[in-house]
Amino acid sequence: MKCVFCLLLLLTICHITTAQRRRDEDRRAVALYGEAGGGGFLYSSNLDIRILNWNSGIGLRVGAEVFDMSLIKQLGTGPQNYISGTGQVVAFPIGINTVMDDRRVAFELGVGYVPVRGKFSIPSAEFEVDGNSHYSYGHIGFRLRPLKGGGFLMRANYTPLIINGYLKNWAGLSAGFVF
């Protein structure tokens, strides 16, 4: 239910942001996408807004992720060796990124910070959250997006997580829409 609320909030922000714009040249691209892996760790809903140009240059990302540790336990023994805990975990990936090209497939580079609330641990990174904590991430990859107007967006990134000084190799796949 909380994910649905976050998604509706992000859609409202997208609508408000783009409602007063008329031409592509006069507005910034606003993307709403879901991400598996990536900065949000397991999955997240995200809003990405270009700052200076329609569809390239510097942008900001804000996301939300809510999952229950019982979901991890249902996946089997493999994931349980990597992460364990109880209850609900909430994370908010925020970041700054840049899209380097004006072509349909563009290079993307960024960094971010993720505040986390919940109770879980990642033994291999000596990362234990019992209340509030955080981690950082970087990402480098490609973005497939529309050149003009709205349309389908897809991202594929290598996303190393920096947790308590440990670098954890991670990746992310995203799909969504540009408005």
C-alpha atoms as a PDB file:
ATOM      1  CA  MET A   1       0.000   0.000   0.000  1.00  0.00           C
ATOM      2  CA  LYS A   2       2.860   2.359   0.807  1.00  0.00           C
ATOM      3  CA  CYS A   3       4.441   1.715  -2.606  1.00  0.00           C
ATOM      4  CA  VAL A   4       1.146   2.623  -4.297  1.00  0.00           C
ATOM      5  CA  PHE A   5       1.004   5.852  -2.274  1.00  0.00           C
ATOM      6  CA  CYS A   6       4.619   6.702  -3.252  1.00  0.00           C
ATOM      7  CA  LEU A   7       3.864   5.984  -6.905  1.00  0.00           C
ATOM      8  CA  LEU A   8       0.751   8.205  -6.851  1.00  0.00           C
ATOM      9  CA  LEU A   9       2.741  10.978  -5.181  1.00  0.00           C
ATOM     10  CA  LEU A  10       5.453  10.748  -7.849  1.00  0.00           C
ATOM     11  CA  LEU A  11       2.843  10.786 -10.651  1.00  0.00           C
ATOM     12  CA  THR A  12       1.253  13.903  -9.140  1.00  0.00           C
ATOM     13  CA  ILE A  13       4.628  15.630  -9.019  1.00  0.00           C
ATOM     14  CA  CYS A  14       5.233  14.660 -12.670  1.00  0.00           C
ATOM     15  CA  HIS A  15       1.863  16.059 -13.701  1.00  0.00           C
ATOM     16  CA  ILE A  16       2.386  19.336 -11.848  1.00  0.00           C
ATOM     17  CA  THR A  17       5.906  19.711 -13.234  1.00  0.00           C
ATOM     18  CA  THR A  18       4.915  19.141 -16.862  1.00  0.00           C
ATOM     19  CA  ALA A  19       1.390  20.598 -16.963  1.00  0.00           C
ATOM     20  CA  GLN A  20       2.467  24.177 -17.709  1.00  0.00           C
ATOM     21  CA  ARG A  21       5.046  23.300 -20.397  1.00  0.00           C
ATOM     22  CA  ARG A  22       4.079  23.429 -24.082  1.00  0.00           C
ATOM     23  CA  ARG A  23       7.068  22.592 -26.265  1.00  0.00           C
ATOM     24  CA  ASP A  24       9.925  20.133 -25.749  1.00  0.00           C
ATOM     25  CA  GLU A  25      12.508  22.913 -25.981  1.00  0.00           C
ATOM     26  CA  ASP A  26      10.803  24.862 -23.191  1.00  0.00           C
ATOM     27  CA  ARG A  27      10.537  22.059 -20.651  1.00  0.00           C
ATOM     28  CA  ARG A  28      12.658  19.583 -18.747  1.00  0.00           C
ATOM     29  CA  ALA A  29      12.261  15.830 -19.123  1.00  0.00           C
ATOM     30  CA  VAL A  30      10.666  14.161 -16.114  1.00  0.00           C
ATOM     31  CA  ALA A  31      11.045  10.382 -15.912  1.00  0.00           C
ATOM     32  CA  LEU A  32       9.159   7.998 -13.674  1.00  0.00           C
ATOM     33  CA  TYR A  33      10.674   4.513 -13.539  1.00  0.00           C
ATOM     34  CA  GLY A  34      10.977   1.344 -11.515  1.00  0.00           C
ATOM     35  CA  GLU A  35      14.418  -0.038 -10.817  1.00  0.00           C
ATOM     36  CA  ALA A  36      15.457  -3.581  -9.947  1.00  0.00           C
ATOM     37  CA  GLY A  37      18.725  -3.554  -8.021  1.00  0.00           C
ATOM     38  CA  GLY A  38      20.632  -0.322  -8.441  1.00  0.00           C
ATOM     39  CA  GLY A  39      20.885   2.357  -5.769  1.00  0.00           C
ATOM     40  CA  GLY A  40      17.706   1.199  -4.057  1.00  0.00           C
ATOM     41  CA  PHE A  41      19.319  -2.192  -3.302  1.00  0.00           C
ATOM     42  CA  LEU A  42      16.414  -4.558  -4.165  1.00  0.00           C
ATOM     43  CA  TYR A  43      13.885  -2.455  -6.079  1.00  0.00           C
ATOM     44  CA  SER A  44      12.623   1.124  -6.008  1.00  0.00           C
ATOM     45  CA  SER A  45      10.228   3.600  -7.616  1.00  0.00           C
ATOM     46  CA  ASN A  46      12.038   6.712  -8.844  1.00  0.00           C
ATOM     47  CA  LEU A  47      11.500  10.206 -10.214  1.00  0.00           C
ATOM     48  CA  ASP A  48      14.276  11.681 -12.372  1.00  0.00           C
ATOM     49  CA  ILE A  49      14.186  15.352 -13.460  1.00  0.00           C
ATOM     50  CA  ARG A  50      16.610  16.958 -15.929  1.00  0.00           C
ATOM     51  CA  ILE A  51      17.727  20.369 -14.650  1.00  0.00           C
ATOM     52  CA  LEU A  52      19.056  22.360 -17.616  1.00  0.00           C
ATOM     53  CA  ASN A  53      18.115  20.676 -20.889  1.00  0.00           C
ATOM     54  CA  TRP A  54      15.146  18.765 -22.225  1.00  0.00           C
ATOM     55  CA  ASN A  55      16.669  15.296 -22.161  1.00  0.00           C
ATOM     56  CA  SER A  56      20.387  15.477 -21.360  1.00  0.00           C
ATOM     57  CA  GLY A  57      22.784  17.100 -18.930  1.00  0.00           C
ATOM     58  CA  ILE A  58      22.506  17.160 -15.165  1.00  0.00           C
ATOM     59  CA  GLY A  59      19.519  15.619 -13.399  1.00  0.00           C
ATOM     60  CA  LEU A  60      18.224  14.756  -9.941  1.00  0.00           C
ATOM     61  CA  ARG A  61      16.834  11.428  -8.803  1.00  0.00           C
ATOM     62  CA  VAL A  62      14.522  10.781  -5.845  1.00  0.00           C
ATOM     63  CA  GLY A  63      13.203   7.309  -5.068  1.00  0.00           C
ATOM     64  CA  ALA A  64      11.494   5.157  -2.473  1.00  0.00           C
ATOM     65  CA  GLU A  65      11.697   1.481  -1.561  1.00  0.00           C
ATOM     66  CA  VAL A  66       9.737  -0.477   1.015  1.00  0.00           C
ATOM     67  CA  PHE A  67      10.120  -4.226   1.525  1.00  0.00           C
ATOM     68  CA  ASP A  68       9.503  -6.773   4.249  1.00  0.00           C
ATOM     69  CA  MET A  69      12.323  -9.097   5.300  1.00  0.00           C
ATOM     70  CA  SER A  70       9.885 -12.038   5.110  1.00  0.00           C
ATOM     71  CA  LEU A  71      10.098 -11.572   1.306  1.00  0.00           C
ATOM     72  CA  ILE A  72      13.841 -12.315   1.451  1.00  0.00           C
ATOM     73  CA  LYS A  73      13.225 -15.437   3.530  1.00  0.00           C
ATOM     74  CA  GLN A  74      10.741 -16.714   0.940  1.00  0.00           C
ATOM     75  CA  LEU A  75      13.347 -16.445  -1.848  1.00  0.00           C
ATOM     76  CA  GLY A  76      15.381 -19.351  -0.457  1.00  0.00           C
ATOM     77  CA  THR A  77      18.762 -19.940   1.151  1.00  0.00           C
ATOM     78  CA  GLY A  78      20.933 -18.046  -1.366  1.00  0.00           C
ATOM     79  CA  PRO A  79      19.694 -14.522  -0.536  1.00  0.00           C
ATOM     80  CA  GLN A  80      19.565 -15.347   3.182  1.00  0.00           C
ATOM     81  CA  ASN A  81      23.333 -15.839   3.159  1.00  0.00           C
ATOM     82  CA  TYR A  82      23.739 -12.312   1.821  1.00  0.00           C
ATOM     83  CA  ILE A  83      21.124 -10.350   3.816  1.00  0.00           C
ATOM     84  CA  SER A  84      19.112 -11.167   6.924  1.00  0.00           C
ATOM     85  CA  GLY A  85      16.780  -9.342   9.271  1.00  0.00           C
ATOM     86  CA  THR A  86      13.222  -8.883  10.478  1.00  0.00           C
ATOM     87  CA  GLY A  87      10.385  -6.484   9.860  1.00  0.00           C
ATOM     88  CA  GLN A  88      10.010  -3.758   7.294  1.00  0.00           C
ATOM     89  CA  VAL A  89      12.867  -1.875   5.609  1.00  0.00           C
ATOM     90  CA  VAL A  90      12.460   1.575   4.036  1.00  0.00           C
ATOM     91  CA  ALA A  91      15.086   3.226   1.814  1.00  0.00           C
ATOM     92  CA  PHE A  92      15.116   6.522  -0.108  1.00  0.00           C
ATOM     93  CA  PRO A  93      17.724   6.617  -2.904  1.00  0.00           C
ATOM     94  CA  ILE A  94      18.576  10.195  -3.852  1.00  0.00           C
ATOM     95  CA  GLY A  95      21.242  11.235  -6.294  1.00  0.00           C
ATOM     96  CA  ILE A  96      22.611  13.463  -8.986  1.00  0.00           C
ATOM     97  CA  ASN A  97      23.420  12.198 -12.473  1.00  0.00           C
ATOM     98  CA  THR A  98      24.320  13.362 -15.924  1.00  0.00           C
ATOM     99  CA  VAL A  99      23.285  12.080 -19.332  1.00  0.00           C
ATOM    100  CA  MET A 100      26.221  12.716 -21.659  1.00  0.00           C
ATOM    101  CA  ASP A 101      24.664  12.680 -25.120  1.00  0.00           C
ATOM    102  CA  ASP A 102      21.637  13.828 -27.128  1.00  0.00           C
ATOM    103  CA  ARG A 103      21.244  10.495 -28.933  1.00  0.00           C
ATOM    104  CA  ARG A 104      18.549   7.880 -28.260  1.00  0.00           C
ATOM    105  CA  VAL A 105      21.056   5.647 -26.414  1.00  0.00           C
ATOM    106  CA  ALA A 106      23.124   7.818 -24.091  1.00  0.00           C
ATOM    107  CA  PHE A 107      25.874   7.306 -21.542  1.00  0.00           C
ATOM    108  CA  GLU A 108      24.821   8.021 -17.921  1.00  0.00           C
ATOM    109  CA  LEU A 109      26.992   8.680 -14.870  1.00  0.00           C
ATOM    110  CA  GLY A 110      25.974   9.539 -11.297  1.00  0.00           C
ATOM    111  CA  VAL A 111      26.378   9.276  -7.539  1.00  0.00           C
ATOM    112  CA  GLY A 112      23.909   9.037  -4.698  1.00  0.00           C
ATOM    113  CA  TYR A 113      23.100   8.615  -1.036  1.00  0.00           C
ATOM    114  CA  VAL A 114      20.527   6.256   0.491  1.00  0.00           C
ATOM    115  CA  PRO A 115      19.103   6.754   3.993  1.00  0.00           C
ATOM    116  CA  VAL A 116      17.766   3.430   5.333  1.00  0.00           C
ATOM    117  CA  ARG A 117      15.406   2.611   8.193  1.00  0.00           C
ATOM    118  CA  GLY A 118      14.722  -0.910   9.400  1.00  0.00           C
ATOM    119  CA  LYS A 119      16.378  -3.927  10.961  1.00  0.00           C
ATOM    120  CA  PHE A 120      18.634  -6.015   8.732  1.00  0.00           C
ATOM    121  CA  SER A 121      22.262  -6.928   8.206  1.00  0.00           C
ATOM    122  CA  ILE A 122      24.646  -7.703   5.372  1.00  0.00           C
ATOM    123  CA  PRO A 123      27.365  -9.841   7.002  1.00  0.00           C
ATOM    124  CA  SER A 124      29.831  -9.665   4.086  1.00  0.00           C
ATOM    125  CA  ALA A 125      29.925  -5.848   4.335  1.00  0.00           C
ATOM    126  CA  GLU A 126      29.707  -5.656   8.131  1.00  0.00           C
ATOM    127  CA  PHE A 127      26.588  -3.523   7.594  1.00  0.00           C
ATOM    128  CA  GLU A 128      23.950  -3.767  10.274  1.00  0.00           C
ATOM    129  CA  VAL A 129      20.918  -1.512  10.487  1.00  0.00           C
ATOM    130  CA  ASP A 130      18.890  -1.434  13.667  1.00  0.00           C
ATOM    131  CA  GLY A 131      16.974   1.803  13.257  1.00  0.00           C
ATOM    132  CA  ASN A 132      18.563   4.395  10.946  1.00  0.00           C
ATOM    133  CA  SER A 133      21.628   4.131   8.721  1.00  0.00           C
ATOM    134  CA  HIS A 134      22.814   5.006   5.217  1.00  0.00           C
ATOM    135  CA  TYR A 135      25.054   3.983   2.337  1.00  0.00           C
ATOM    136  CA  SER A 136      26.342   5.581  -0.860  1.00  0.00           C
ATOM    137  CA  TYR A 137      26.433   4.416  -4.455  1.00  0.00           C
ATOM    138  CA  GLY A 138      27.756   5.340  -7.860  1.00  0.00           C
ATOM    139  CA  HIS A 139      26.424   4.294 -11.219  1.00  0.00           C
ATOM    140  CA  ILE A 140      27.686   4.134 -14.756  1.00  0.00           C
ATOM    141  CA  GLY A 141      25.676   2.805 -17.658  1.00  0.00           C
ATOM    142  CA  PHE A 142      23.361   3.494 -20.560  1.00  0.00           C
ATOM    143  CA  ARG A 143      19.960   5.111 -20.935  1.00  0.00           C
ATOM    144  CA  LEU A 144      17.565   4.392 -23.807  1.00  0.00           C
ATOM    145  CA  ARG A 145      15.068   7.259 -24.034  1.00  0.00           C
ATOM    146  CA  PRO A 146      12.840   9.169 -26.460  1.00  0.00           C
ATOM    147  CA  LEU A 147      14.466  12.070 -28.285  1.00  0.00           C
ATOM    148  CA  LYS A 148      11.390  14.299 -28.367  1.00  0.00           C
ATOM    149  CA  GLY A 149       8.195  14.258 -26.376  1.00  0.00           C
ATOM    150  CA  GLY A 150       7.381  11.489 -23.935  1.00  0.00           C
ATOM    151  CA  GLY A 151       7.887   7.786 -24.248  1.00  0.00           C
ATOM    152  CA  PHE A 152       9.553   4.637 -22.992  1.00  0.00           C
ATOM    153  CA  LEU A 153      12.737   4.820 -20.898  1.00  0.00           C
ATOM    154  CA  MET A 154      15.126   1.976 -20.102  1.00  0.00           C
ATOM    155  CA  ARG A 155      18.361   2.067 -18.084  1.00  0.00           C
ATOM    156  CA  ALA A 156      21.114  -0.490 -17.439  1.00  0.00           C
ATOM    157  CA  ASN A 157      23.816   0.416 -14.916  1.00  0.00           C
ATOM    158  CA  TYR A 158      26.768  -0.947 -13.010  1.00  0.00           C
ATOM    159  CA  THR A 159      26.033   0.365  -9.507  1.00  0.00           C
ATOM    160  CA  PRO A 160      28.738  -0.224  -6.888  1.00  0.00           C
ATOM    161  CA  LEU A 161      27.411   0.241  -3.342  1.00  0.00           C
ATOM    162  CA  ILE A 162      29.728   1.790  -0.763  1.00  0.00           C
ATOM    163  CA  ILE A 163      28.708   0.335   2.598  1.00  0.00           C
ATOM    164  CA  ASN A 164      30.871   1.074   5.668  1.00  0.00           C
ATOM    165  CA  GLY A 165      33.929   1.514   3.471  1.00  0.00           C
ATOM    166  CA  TYR A 166      33.325  -1.757   1.609  1.00  0.00           C
ATOM    167  CA  LEU A 167      32.687  -1.676  -2.129  1.00  0.00           C
ATOM    168  CA  LYS A 168      29.937  -4.138  -3.127  1.00  0.00           C
ATOM    169  CA  ASN A 169      29.532  -4.862  -6.843  1.00  0.00           C
ATOM    170  CA  TRP A 170      25.911  -4.345  -7.822  1.00  0.00           C
ATOM    171  CA  ALA A 171      23.877  -3.592 -10.941  1.00  0.00           C
ATOM    172  CA  GLY A 172      20.541  -2.064 -11.798  1.00  0.00           C
ATOM    173  CA  LEU A 173      17.906  -2.370 -14.536  1.00  0.00           C
ATOM    174  CA  SER A 174      15.199   0.249 -14.927  1.00  0.00           C
ATOM    175  CA  ALA A 175      12.107   0.727 -17.055  1.00  0.00           C
ATOM    176  CA  GLY A 176       9.607   3.566 -17.108  1.00  0.00           C
ATOM    177  CA  PHE A 177       8.323   6.599 -18.999  1.00  0.00           C
ATOM    178  CA  VAL A 178       9.494  10.101 -19.795  1.00  0.00           C
ATOM    179  CA  PHE A 179       6.878  12.872 -19.630  1.00  0.00           C
END
